[in-house]
Amino acid sequence: MKPATTKEDNISQGIMLIVGAVFLLALTDALVKYLSDSMSLWQLYVIASLLSLPVLGGLLIGTSGPRPRVKSLRWVAIRSLLLLFMWIAYYAALPLIPLSVAAVAIYTTPLFIALLAAFSAGERLSWQAWVGIICGFLGVLVVLRPGEDTFTPATLLPVLAAIFYALAMMITRRHCQREHPLILTLGLNLAFLTAGIVFSALVATGATAQLEERTPFLFAHWQPLDISDFLLIAAYTLLLIIVNSGVARAYQIAPLALIGTFDYAYLIFASAWGYLLFNEIPDAMTWLGMGMILTAGVVVLLDDVQ
């Protein structure tokens, strides 16, 4: 049986949205990696949120038809908190494990989405769909190559982030399906701003001084920025608005497991941006794993359209 769909679903549009969103998400993560040497995560969140809120407000006011309104403040808030926790857990791991390991570990997300879809969201999957999902997960393991130097306690942080993300997307599908994507993006930016202010205040009081040396990206004080830094933050802000709106809409209009599988495309794009911006060249095993991930997406798609 196929994943549960509704008459309002648009599978092809959902796939295009999620692929485009993760393409840009890989670029935003590359920008964060570059900016992490010059500022803390909380400084980035505060500045980016202050830039994005007027833009989102203008977009909401300028929306054609009735002005979008929040339909369920509770579920929008829960979704925003889960995504906030996801990013905190993911970025907390980066100083402790290689970026490539963290990126692959967080992409256990589609497996968790499939499990949630099958056991909580009422989306019964065929055996072909399960083959595709398992193939994608095995592709992640091929890229990760578990070993003594790879699996450390810190590796669990991006896996925890993956669980938060899967829960957030399940809520998007089940409880925020009729929310305007810009409303969901606004809620997430408000969560970023609140967390940025709270943690910046803690850092300023010296409460996190002992942690600054170990994880400066999370606990360093605010740093002076030049014009190029502000331009990069502005680019990051714009990309994040597009990404968050695209991801939200994709999970609103297509089945969880299907969109979750195409979420794997992030790894392909992350490797491309890594090569273009940081001269990082994937090895043969990485390419093999990514091929398995792409195959997984095709298998699930073919099963869904049959």
C-alpha atoms as a PDB file:
ATOM      1  CA  MET A   1       0.000   0.000   0.000  1.00  0.00           C
ATOM      2  CA  LYS A   2       1.094   3.539  -0.654  1.00  0.00           C
ATOM      3  CA  PRO A   3       1.651   6.376   1.831  1.00  0.00           C
ATOM      4  CA  ALA A   4      -1.559   8.099   2.853  1.00  0.00           C
ATOM      5  CA  THR A   5      -2.462  10.989   0.578  1.00  0.00           C
ATOM      6  CA  THR A   6      -5.244  13.540   0.504  1.00  0.00           C
ATOM      7  CA  LYS A   7      -7.011  15.234  -2.373  1.00  0.00           C
ATOM      8  CA  GLU A   8      -4.976  18.369  -1.631  1.00  0.00           C
ATOM      9  CA  ASP A   9      -1.632  16.598  -2.031  1.00  0.00           C
ATOM     10  CA  ASN A  10       0.647  17.579  -4.897  1.00  0.00           C
ATOM     11  CA  ILE A  11       3.441  15.009  -4.948  1.00  0.00           C
ATOM     12  CA  SER A  12       5.462  16.377  -7.869  1.00  0.00           C
ATOM     13  CA  GLN A  13       5.443  19.895  -6.433  1.00  0.00           C
ATOM     14  CA  GLY A  14       6.373  18.554  -3.006  1.00  0.00           C
ATOM     15  CA  ILE A  15       9.384  16.723  -4.455  1.00  0.00           C
ATOM     16  CA  MET A  16      10.551  19.802  -6.374  1.00  0.00           C
ATOM     17  CA  LEU A  17      10.171  21.956  -3.273  1.00  0.00           C
ATOM     18  CA  ILE A  18      12.142  19.640  -0.979  1.00  0.00           C
ATOM     19  CA  VAL A  19      14.953  19.103  -3.508  1.00  0.00           C
ATOM     20  CA  GLY A  20      15.261  22.838  -4.115  1.00  0.00           C
ATOM     21  CA  ALA A  21      15.100  23.533  -0.379  1.00  0.00           C
ATOM     22  CA  VAL A  22      17.857  21.084   0.573  1.00  0.00           C
ATOM     23  CA  PHE A  23      20.001  22.400  -2.284  1.00  0.00           C
ATOM     24  CA  LEU A  24      19.834  25.856  -0.700  1.00  0.00           C
ATOM     25  CA  LEU A  25      20.052  24.408   2.824  1.00  0.00           C
ATOM     26  CA  ALA A  26      23.411  22.871   1.963  1.00  0.00           C
ATOM     27  CA  LEU A  27      24.566  26.322   0.886  1.00  0.00           C
ATOM     28  CA  THR A  28      23.327  27.944   4.115  1.00  0.00           C
ATOM     29  CA  ASP A  29      25.194  25.321   6.161  1.00  0.00           C
ATOM     30  CA  ALA A  30      28.335  26.089   4.169  1.00  0.00           C
ATOM     31  CA  LEU A  31      27.843  29.771   5.052  1.00  0.00           C
ATOM     32  CA  VAL A  32      27.419  28.868   8.727  1.00  0.00           C
ATOM     33  CA  LYS A  33      30.626  26.839   8.600  1.00  0.00           C
ATOM     34  CA  TYR A  34      32.440  29.846   7.137  1.00  0.00           C
ATOM     35  CA  LEU A  35      30.915  32.326   9.619  1.00  0.00           C
ATOM     36  CA  SER A  36      31.608  30.112  12.657  1.00  0.00           C
ATOM     37  CA  ASP A  37      35.174  31.400  12.746  1.00  0.00           C
ATOM     38  CA  SER A  38      34.062  34.999  13.258  1.00  0.00           C
ATOM     39  CA  MET A  39      30.936  34.867  15.465  1.00  0.00           C
ATOM     40  CA  SER A  40      28.882  32.729  17.809  1.00  0.00           C
ATOM     41  CA  LEU A  41      25.727  30.890  16.822  1.00  0.00           C
ATOM     42  CA  TRP A  42      23.644  33.190  19.040  1.00  0.00           C
ATOM     43  CA  GLN A  43      25.092  36.316  17.454  1.00  0.00           C
ATOM     44  CA  LEU A  44      24.226  34.879  14.059  1.00  0.00           C
ATOM     45  CA  TYR A  45      20.693  33.977  15.171  1.00  0.00           C
ATOM     46  CA  VAL A  46      19.973  37.410  16.642  1.00  0.00           C
ATOM     47  CA  ILE A  47      21.265  39.371  13.645  1.00  0.00           C
ATOM     48  CA  ALA A  48      19.705  37.034  11.072  1.00  0.00           C
ATOM     49  CA  SER A  49      16.336  37.052  12.875  1.00  0.00           C
ATOM     50  CA  LEU A  50      16.298  40.839  13.155  1.00  0.00           C
ATOM     51  CA  LEU A  51      16.947  41.010   9.408  1.00  0.00           C
ATOM     52  CA  SER A  52      14.372  38.378   8.508  1.00  0.00           C
ATOM     53  CA  LEU A  53      11.439  39.546  10.633  1.00  0.00           C
ATOM     54  CA  PRO A  54      10.774  42.766   8.630  1.00  0.00           C
ATOM     55  CA  VAL A  55      11.094  40.783   5.394  1.00  0.00           C
ATOM     56  CA  LEU A  56       8.621  38.150   6.597  1.00  0.00           C
ATOM     57  CA  GLY A  57       6.278  40.847   7.866  1.00  0.00           C
ATOM     58  CA  GLY A  58       6.337  42.577   4.478  1.00  0.00           C
ATOM     59  CA  LEU A  59       5.724  39.294   2.657  1.00  0.00           C
ATOM     60  CA  LEU A  60       2.786  38.461   4.907  1.00  0.00           C
ATOM     61  CA  ILE A  61       1.254  41.917   4.464  1.00  0.00           C
ATOM     62  CA  GLY A  62       1.784  41.780   0.714  1.00  0.00           C
ATOM     63  CA  THR A  63       0.262  38.317   0.305  1.00  0.00           C
ATOM     64  CA  SER A  64      -2.601  38.330  -2.181  1.00  0.00           C
ATOM     65  CA  GLY A  65      -6.026  37.481  -0.815  1.00  0.00           C
ATOM     66  CA  PRO A  66      -6.880  37.310   2.890  1.00  0.00           C
ATOM     67  CA  ARG A  67      -3.961  38.052   5.185  1.00  0.00           C
ATOM     68  CA  PRO A  68      -2.494  34.790   6.572  1.00  0.00           C
ATOM     69  CA  ARG A  69      -3.327  34.142  10.212  1.00  0.00           C
ATOM     70  CA  VAL A  70      -2.107  31.563  12.704  1.00  0.00           C
ATOM     71  CA  LYS A  71      -4.601  28.715  12.926  1.00  0.00           C
ATOM     72  CA  SER A  72      -2.979  26.877  15.852  1.00  0.00           C
ATOM     73  CA  LEU A  73      -0.494  28.853  17.910  1.00  0.00           C
ATOM     74  CA  ARG A  74       0.253  25.800  20.039  1.00  0.00           C
ATOM     75  CA  TRP A  75       1.328  23.570  17.152  1.00  0.00           C
ATOM     76  CA  VAL A  76       3.262  26.322  15.396  1.00  0.00           C
ATOM     77  CA  ALA A  77       5.142  26.954  18.662  1.00  0.00           C
ATOM     78  CA  ILE A  78       5.858  23.249  19.245  1.00  0.00           C
ATOM     79  CA  ARG A  79       7.106  22.851  15.670  1.00  0.00           C
ATOM     80  CA  SER A  80       9.342  25.908  16.034  1.00  0.00           C
ATOM     81  CA  LEU A  81      10.815  24.641  19.311  1.00  0.00           C
ATOM     82  CA  LEU A  82      11.557  21.223  17.847  1.00  0.00           C
ATOM     83  CA  LEU A  83      13.393  22.794  14.896  1.00  0.00           C
ATOM     84  CA  LEU A  84      15.283  25.089  17.265  1.00  0.00           C
ATOM     85  CA  PHE A  85      16.381  22.071  19.334  1.00  0.00           C
ATOM     86  CA  MET A  86      17.396  20.329  16.118  1.00  0.00           C
ATOM     87  CA  TRP A  87      19.772  23.106  15.085  1.00  0.00           C
ATOM     88  CA  ILE A  88      21.235  23.514  18.576  1.00  0.00           C
ATOM     89  CA  ALA A  89      21.954  19.771  18.831  1.00  0.00           C
ATOM     90  CA  TYR A  90      23.438  19.707  15.331  1.00  0.00           C
ATOM     91  CA  TYR A  91      25.697  22.715  15.765  1.00  0.00           C
ATOM     92  CA  ALA A  92      26.775  21.579  19.245  1.00  0.00           C
ATOM     93  CA  ALA A  93      28.283  18.480  17.606  1.00  0.00           C
ATOM     94  CA  LEU A  94      30.318  20.320  14.975  1.00  0.00           C
ATOM     95  CA  PRO A  95      33.280  21.287  17.213  1.00  0.00           C
ATOM     96  CA  LEU A  96      33.519  17.702  18.485  1.00  0.00           C
ATOM     97  CA  ILE A  97      33.216  15.569  15.339  1.00  0.00           C
ATOM     98  CA  PRO A  98      34.021  16.085  11.637  1.00  0.00           C
ATOM     99  CA  LEU A  99      31.426  18.067   9.688  1.00  0.00           C
ATOM    100  CA  SER A 100      30.965  15.204   7.223  1.00  0.00           C
ATOM    101  CA  VAL A 101      30.202  12.760  10.044  1.00  0.00           C
ATOM    102  CA  ALA A 102      27.686  15.167  11.585  1.00  0.00           C
ATOM    103  CA  ALA A 103      25.982  15.785   8.231  1.00  0.00           C
ATOM    104  CA  VAL A 104      25.584  12.091   7.508  1.00  0.00           C
ATOM    105  CA  ALA A 105      24.466  11.277  11.056  1.00  0.00           C
ATOM    106  CA  ILE A 106      21.673  13.845  10.920  1.00  0.00           C
ATOM    107  CA  TYR A 107      20.475  12.244   7.706  1.00  0.00           C
ATOM    108  CA  THR A 108      19.136   9.316   9.614  1.00  0.00           C
ATOM    109  CA  THR A 109      16.142  11.719   9.604  1.00  0.00           C
ATOM    110  CA  PRO A 110      14.218  10.013   6.751  1.00  0.00           C
ATOM    111  CA  LEU A 111      14.399   6.703   8.621  1.00  0.00           C
ATOM    112  CA  PHE A 112      12.809   8.294  11.681  1.00  0.00           C
ATOM    113  CA  ILE A 113      10.253  10.044   9.454  1.00  0.00           C
ATOM    114  CA  ALA A 114       9.344   6.727   7.840  1.00  0.00           C
ATOM    115  CA  LEU A 115       8.946   5.076  11.230  1.00  0.00           C
ATOM    116  CA  LEU A 116       6.770   7.937  12.485  1.00  0.00           C
ATOM    117  CA  ALA A 117       4.760   7.868   9.258  1.00  0.00           C
ATOM    118  CA  ALA A 118       4.174   4.134   9.535  1.00  0.00           C
ATOM    119  CA  PHE A 119       3.364   3.929  13.238  1.00  0.00           C
ATOM    120  CA  SER A 120       1.952   7.352  14.134  1.00  0.00           C
ATOM    121  CA  ALA A 121       0.744   9.197  11.052  1.00  0.00           C
ATOM    122  CA  GLY A 122      -1.284   6.375   9.505  1.00  0.00           C
ATOM    123  CA  GLU A 123       0.810   6.138   6.341  1.00  0.00           C
ATOM    124  CA  ARG A 124       1.089   2.431   5.505  1.00  0.00           C
ATOM    125  CA  LEU A 125       4.076   1.703   3.305  1.00  0.00           C
ATOM    126  CA  SER A 126       4.513  -1.015   0.693  1.00  0.00           C
ATOM    127  CA  TRP A 127       7.478  -3.356   0.751  1.00  0.00           C
ATOM    128  CA  GLN A 128       8.984  -1.473  -2.214  1.00  0.00           C
ATOM    129  CA  ALA A 129       8.860   1.760  -0.214  1.00  0.00           C
ATOM    130  CA  TRP A 130      10.546   0.048   2.741  1.00  0.00           C
ATOM    131  CA  VAL A 131      13.265  -1.290   0.418  1.00  0.00           C
ATOM    132  CA  GLY A 132      13.912   2.260  -0.775  1.00  0.00           C
ATOM    133  CA  ILE A 133      14.010   3.663   2.755  1.00  0.00           C
ATOM    134  CA  ILE A 134      16.350   0.920   3.976  1.00  0.00           C
ATOM    135  CA  CYS A 135      18.561   1.394   0.908  1.00  0.00           C
ATOM    136  CA  GLY A 136      18.847   5.083   1.717  1.00  0.00           C
ATOM    137  CA  PHE A 137      19.740   4.359   5.329  1.00  0.00           C
ATOM    138  CA  LEU A 138      22.374   1.817   4.252  1.00  0.00           C
ATOM    139  CA  GLY A 139      23.772   4.498   1.973  1.00  0.00           C
ATOM    140  CA  VAL A 140      24.162   6.728   5.008  1.00  0.00           C
ATOM    141  CA  LEU A 141      26.050   3.936   6.799  1.00  0.00           C
ATOM    142  CA  VAL A 142      28.346   3.477   3.798  1.00  0.00           C
ATOM    143  CA  VAL A 143      29.220   7.170   3.912  1.00  0.00           C
ATOM    144  CA  LEU A 144      29.548   7.138   7.707  1.00  0.00           C
ATOM    145  CA  ARG A 145      31.651   3.945   7.830  1.00  0.00           C
ATOM    146  CA  PRO A 146      31.223   3.153  11.533  1.00  0.00           C
ATOM    147  CA  GLY A 147      34.516   2.597  13.283  1.00  0.00           C
ATOM    148  CA  GLU A 148      36.525   3.448  16.350  1.00  0.00           C
ATOM    149  CA  ASP A 149      37.289   6.982  15.197  1.00  0.00           C
ATOM    150  CA  THR A 150      33.797   7.711  13.914  1.00  0.00           C
ATOM    151  CA  PHE A 151      31.364   6.705  16.647  1.00  0.00           C
ATOM    152  CA  THR A 152      31.848   8.832  19.729  1.00  0.00           C
ATOM    153  CA  PRO A 153      29.210  10.040  22.197  1.00  0.00           C
ATOM    154  CA  ALA A 154      29.116  13.316  20.255  1.00  0.00           C
ATOM    155  CA  THR A 155      27.863  11.399  17.205  1.00  0.00           C
ATOM    156  CA  LEU A 156      24.574  10.963  19.053  1.00  0.00           C
ATOM    157  CA  LEU A 157      23.951  14.730  18.952  1.00  0.00           C
ATOM    158  CA  PRO A 158      23.177  14.925  15.217  1.00  0.00           C
ATOM    159  CA  VAL A 159      21.121  11.728  15.568  1.00  0.00           C
ATOM    160  CA  LEU A 160      19.170  13.507  18.315  1.00  0.00           C
ATOM    161  CA  ALA A 161      18.817  16.432  15.911  1.00  0.00           C
ATOM    162  CA  ALA A 162      17.422  14.023  13.317  1.00  0.00           C
ATOM    163  CA  ILE A 163      14.752  12.869  15.772  1.00  0.00           C
ATOM    164  CA  PHE A 164      13.762  16.471  16.511  1.00  0.00           C
ATOM    165  CA  TYR A 165      13.523  17.183  12.790  1.00  0.00           C
ATOM    166  CA  ALA A 166      11.413  14.098  12.110  1.00  0.00           C
ATOM    167  CA  LEU A 167       9.014  15.050  14.904  1.00  0.00           C
ATOM    168  CA  ALA A 168       8.792  18.603  13.560  1.00  0.00           C
ATOM    169  CA  MET A 169       7.953  17.372  10.069  1.00  0.00           C
ATOM    170  CA  MET A 170       5.321  14.975  11.411  1.00  0.00           C
ATOM    171  CA  ILE A 171       3.703  17.918  13.202  1.00  0.00           C
ATOM    172  CA  THR A 172       3.945  19.950   9.992  1.00  0.00           C
ATOM    173  CA  ARG A 173       2.060  17.219   8.152  1.00  0.00           C
ATOM    174  CA  ARG A 174      -0.559  16.419  10.807  1.00  0.00           C
ATOM    175  CA  HIS A 175      -1.190  19.689  12.653  1.00  0.00           C
ATOM    176  CA  CYS A 176       0.194  22.551  10.548  1.00  0.00           C
ATOM    177  CA  GLN A 177      -0.949  21.464   7.094  1.00  0.00           C
ATOM    178  CA  ARG A 178      -3.205  24.490   6.686  1.00  0.00           C
ATOM    179  CA  GLU A 179      -0.779  27.030   8.122  1.00  0.00           C
ATOM    180  CA  HIS A 180       0.726  29.459   5.628  1.00  0.00           C
ATOM    181  CA  PRO A 181       4.424  28.560   5.073  1.00  0.00           C
ATOM    182  CA  LEU A 182       5.410  32.155   5.899  1.00  0.00           C
ATOM    183  CA  ILE A 183       3.646  31.827   9.269  1.00  0.00           C
ATOM    184  CA  LEU A 184       5.688  28.698  10.015  1.00  0.00           C
ATOM    185  CA  THR A 185       8.875  30.479   8.935  1.00  0.00           C
ATOM    186  CA  LEU A 186       7.994  33.459  11.121  1.00  0.00           C
ATOM    187  CA  GLY A 187       7.464  31.168  14.119  1.00  0.00           C
ATOM    188  CA  LEU A 188      10.865  29.559  13.625  1.00  0.00           C
ATOM    189  CA  ASN A 189      12.592  32.933  13.314  1.00  0.00           C
ATOM    190  CA  LEU A 190      10.964  34.115  16.538  1.00  0.00           C
ATOM    191  CA  ALA A 191      12.291  30.967  18.230  1.00  0.00           C
ATOM    192  CA  PHE A 192      15.781  31.704  16.840  1.00  0.00           C
ATOM    193  CA  LEU A 193      15.598  35.305  18.073  1.00  0.00           C
ATOM    194  CA  THR A 194      14.414  34.306  21.546  1.00  0.00           C
ATOM    195  CA  ALA A 195      17.102  31.640  21.926  1.00  0.00           C
ATOM    196  CA  GLY A 196      19.749  34.012  20.567  1.00  0.00           C
ATOM    197  CA  ILE A 197      18.866  36.730  23.090  1.00  0.00           C
ATOM    198  CA  VAL A 198      18.657  34.328  26.042  1.00  0.00           C
ATOM    199  CA  PHE A 199      21.958  32.565  25.334  1.00  0.00           C
ATOM    200  CA  SER A 200      23.728  35.815  24.419  1.00  0.00           C
ATOM    201  CA  ALA A 201      22.686  37.174  27.817  1.00  0.00           C
ATOM    202  CA  LEU A 202      24.024  34.048  29.539  1.00  0.00           C
ATOM    203  CA  VAL A 203      27.323  34.381  27.707  1.00  0.00           C
ATOM    204  CA  ALA A 204      27.543  38.076  28.614  1.00  0.00           C
ATOM    205  CA  THR A 205      27.098  37.302  32.317  1.00  0.00           C
ATOM    206  CA  GLY A 206      30.017  34.854  32.209  1.00  0.00           C
ATOM    207  CA  ALA A 207      27.821  31.895  33.153  1.00  0.00           C
ATOM    208  CA  THR A 208      29.238  29.866  30.257  1.00  0.00           C
ATOM    209  CA  ALA A 209      32.871  30.994  30.485  1.00  0.00           C
ATOM    210  CA  GLN A 210      34.208  27.488  31.153  1.00  0.00           C
ATOM    211  CA  LEU A 211      32.572  26.196  27.979  1.00  0.00           C
ATOM    212  CA  GLU A 212      33.803  28.933  25.657  1.00  0.00           C
ATOM    213  CA  GLU A 213      37.192  27.365  24.958  1.00  0.00           C
ATOM    214  CA  ARG A 214      35.713  23.940  24.154  1.00  0.00           C
ATOM    215  CA  THR A 215      32.809  25.116  21.990  1.00  0.00           C
ATOM    216  CA  PRO A 216      33.393  28.745  20.973  1.00  0.00           C
ATOM    217  CA  PHE A 217      30.709  28.684  18.297  1.00  0.00           C
ATOM    218  CA  LEU A 218      28.092  28.160  21.020  1.00  0.00           C
ATOM    219  CA  PHE A 219      29.573  30.080  23.921  1.00  0.00           C
ATOM    220  CA  ALA A 220      31.858  32.821  22.586  1.00  0.00           C
ATOM    221  CA  HIS A 221      31.075  36.486  23.202  1.00  0.00           C
ATOM    222  CA  TRP A 222      29.776  38.671  20.403  1.00  0.00           C
ATOM    223  CA  GLN A 223      32.501  39.766  17.990  1.00  0.00           C
ATOM    224  CA  PRO A 224      32.870  42.920  15.859  1.00  0.00           C
ATOM    225  CA  LEU A 225      31.865  42.311  12.243  1.00  0.00           C
ATOM    226  CA  ASP A 226      32.880  43.938   8.969  1.00  0.00           C
ATOM    227  CA  ILE A 227      30.724  44.667   5.934  1.00  0.00           C
ATOM    228  CA  SER A 228      31.501  41.323   4.281  1.00  0.00           C
ATOM    229  CA  ASP A 229      30.239  39.488   7.384  1.00  0.00           C
ATOM    230  CA  PHE A 230      26.981  41.440   7.315  1.00  0.00           C
ATOM    231  CA  LEU A 231      26.519  40.705   3.620  1.00  0.00           C
ATOM    232  CA  LEU A 232      27.014  36.981   4.265  1.00  0.00           C
ATOM    233  CA  ILE A 233      24.541  37.105   7.146  1.00  0.00           C
ATOM    234  CA  ALA A 234      22.048  38.861   4.868  1.00  0.00           C
ATOM    235  CA  ALA A 235      22.523  36.121   2.254  1.00  0.00           C
ATOM    236  CA  TYR A 236      22.117  33.461   4.958  1.00  0.00           C
ATOM    237  CA  THR A 237      18.922  35.162   6.161  1.00  0.00           C
ATOM    238  CA  LEU A 238      17.370  35.289   2.698  1.00  0.00           C
ATOM    239  CA  LEU A 239      18.288  31.670   1.966  1.00  0.00           C
ATOM    240  CA  LEU A 240      16.898  30.512   5.300  1.00  0.00           C
ATOM    241  CA  ILE A 241      13.544  32.198   4.620  1.00  0.00           C
ATOM    242  CA  ILE A 242      13.330  30.403   1.270  1.00  0.00           C
ATOM    243  CA  VAL A 243      14.477  27.077   2.742  1.00  0.00           C
ATOM    244  CA  ASN A 244      12.120  27.101   5.735  1.00  0.00           C
ATOM    245  CA  SER A 245       9.138  28.103   3.613  1.00  0.00           C
ATOM    246  CA  GLY A 246       9.962  25.465   0.979  1.00  0.00           C
ATOM    247  CA  VAL A 247      10.456  22.656   3.500  1.00  0.00           C
ATOM    248  CA  ALA A 248       7.255  23.541   5.341  1.00  0.00           C
ATOM    249  CA  ARG A 249       5.233  23.556   2.125  1.00  0.00           C
ATOM    250  CA  ALA A 250       6.764  20.304   0.869  1.00  0.00           C
ATOM    251  CA  TYR A 251       5.737  18.434   4.018  1.00  0.00           C
ATOM    252  CA  GLN A 252       2.283  20.012   3.876  1.00  0.00           C
ATOM    253  CA  ILE A 253       1.422  18.812   0.379  1.00  0.00           C
ATOM    254  CA  ALA A 254       3.055  15.378   0.072  1.00  0.00           C
ATOM    255  CA  PRO A 255       3.387  12.204   2.209  1.00  0.00           C
ATOM    256  CA  LEU A 256       5.964  12.187   4.988  1.00  0.00           C
ATOM    257  CA  ALA A 257       7.952   9.143   3.882  1.00  0.00           C
ATOM    258  CA  LEU A 258       8.172  10.258   0.257  1.00  0.00           C
ATOM    259  CA  ILE A 259       9.422  13.771   1.054  1.00  0.00           C
ATOM    260  CA  GLY A 260      11.642  12.404   3.821  1.00  0.00           C
ATOM    261  CA  THR A 261      13.416  10.134   1.344  1.00  0.00           C
ATOM    262  CA  PHE A 262      14.120  12.997  -1.055  1.00  0.00           C
ATOM    263  CA  ASP A 263      15.471  14.913   1.926  1.00  0.00           C
ATOM    264  CA  TYR A 264      18.538  12.657   1.491  1.00  0.00           C
ATOM    265  CA  ALA A 265      19.523  14.776  -1.532  1.00  0.00           C
ATOM    266  CA  TYR A 266      21.080  17.175   0.979  1.00  0.00           C
ATOM    267  CA  LEU A 267      24.150  14.941   1.135  1.00  0.00           C
ATOM    268  CA  ILE A 268      24.724  15.246  -2.599  1.00  0.00           C
ATOM    269  CA  PHE A 269      24.401  19.011  -2.547  1.00  0.00           C
ATOM    270  CA  ALA A 270      26.510  19.349   0.609  1.00  0.00           C
ATOM    271  CA  SER A 271      29.329  17.509  -1.160  1.00  0.00           C
ATOM    272  CA  ALA A 272      28.971  19.773  -4.185  1.00  0.00           C
ATOM    273  CA  TRP A 273      29.122  22.952  -2.089  1.00  0.00           C
ATOM    274  CA  GLY A 274      31.990  21.470  -0.077  1.00  0.00           C
ATOM    275  CA  TYR A 275      33.955  20.945  -3.281  1.00  0.00           C
ATOM    276  CA  LEU A 276      33.129  24.366  -4.733  1.00  0.00           C
ATOM    277  CA  LEU A 277      33.663  26.397  -1.559  1.00  0.00           C
ATOM    278  CA  PHE A 278      36.123  24.375   0.546  1.00  0.00           C
ATOM    279  CA  ASN A 279      37.810  22.101  -2.013  1.00  0.00           C
ATOM    280  CA  GLU A 280      36.520  18.987  -0.237  1.00  0.00           C
ATOM    281  CA  ILE A 281      36.522  15.966  -2.559  1.00  0.00           C
ATOM    282  CA  PRO A 282      34.406  12.909  -1.561  1.00  0.00           C
ATOM    283  CA  ASP A 283      36.131   9.530  -1.804  1.00  0.00           C
ATOM    284  CA  ALA A 284      34.855   6.427  -3.596  1.00  0.00           C
ATOM    285  CA  MET A 285      32.911   5.059  -0.616  1.00  0.00           C
ATOM    286  CA  THR A 286      31.164   8.397  -0.180  1.00  0.00           C
ATOM    287  CA  TRP A 287      30.101   8.390  -3.818  1.00  0.00           C
ATOM    288  CA  LEU A 288      28.848   4.798  -3.430  1.00  0.00           C
ATOM    289  CA  GLY A 289      26.765   5.728  -0.411  1.00  0.00           C
ATOM    290  CA  MET A 290      25.338   8.768  -2.143  1.00  0.00           C
ATOM    291  CA  GLY A 291      24.432   6.631  -5.165  1.00  0.00           C
ATOM    292  CA  MET A 292      22.502   4.330  -2.839  1.00  0.00           C
ATOM    293  CA  ILE A 293      20.721   7.353  -1.377  1.00  0.00           C
ATOM    294  CA  LEU A 294      19.684   8.584  -4.826  1.00  0.00           C
ATOM    295  CA  THR A 295      18.508   5.075  -5.737  1.00  0.00           C
ATOM    296  CA  ALA A 296      16.374   5.055  -2.601  1.00  0.00           C
ATOM    297  CA  GLY A 297      14.604   8.218  -3.702  1.00  0.00           C
ATOM    298  CA  VAL A 298      13.891   6.799  -7.151  1.00  0.00           C
ATOM    299  CA  VAL A 299      12.529   3.525  -5.703  1.00  0.00           C
ATOM    300  CA  VAL A 300      10.124   5.334  -3.386  1.00  0.00           C
ATOM    301  CA  LEU A 301       9.015   7.698  -6.158  1.00  0.00           C
ATOM    302  CA  LEU A 302       8.352   4.861  -8.648  1.00  0.00           C
ATOM    303  CA  ASP A 303       6.400   2.965  -5.992  1.00  0.00           C
ATOM    304  CA  ASP A 304       4.273   6.029  -5.285  1.00  0.00           C
ATOM    305  CA  VAL A 305       3.357   6.774  -8.918  1.00  0.00           C
ATOM    306  CA  GLN A 306       2.497   3.168  -9.865  1.00  0.00           C
END
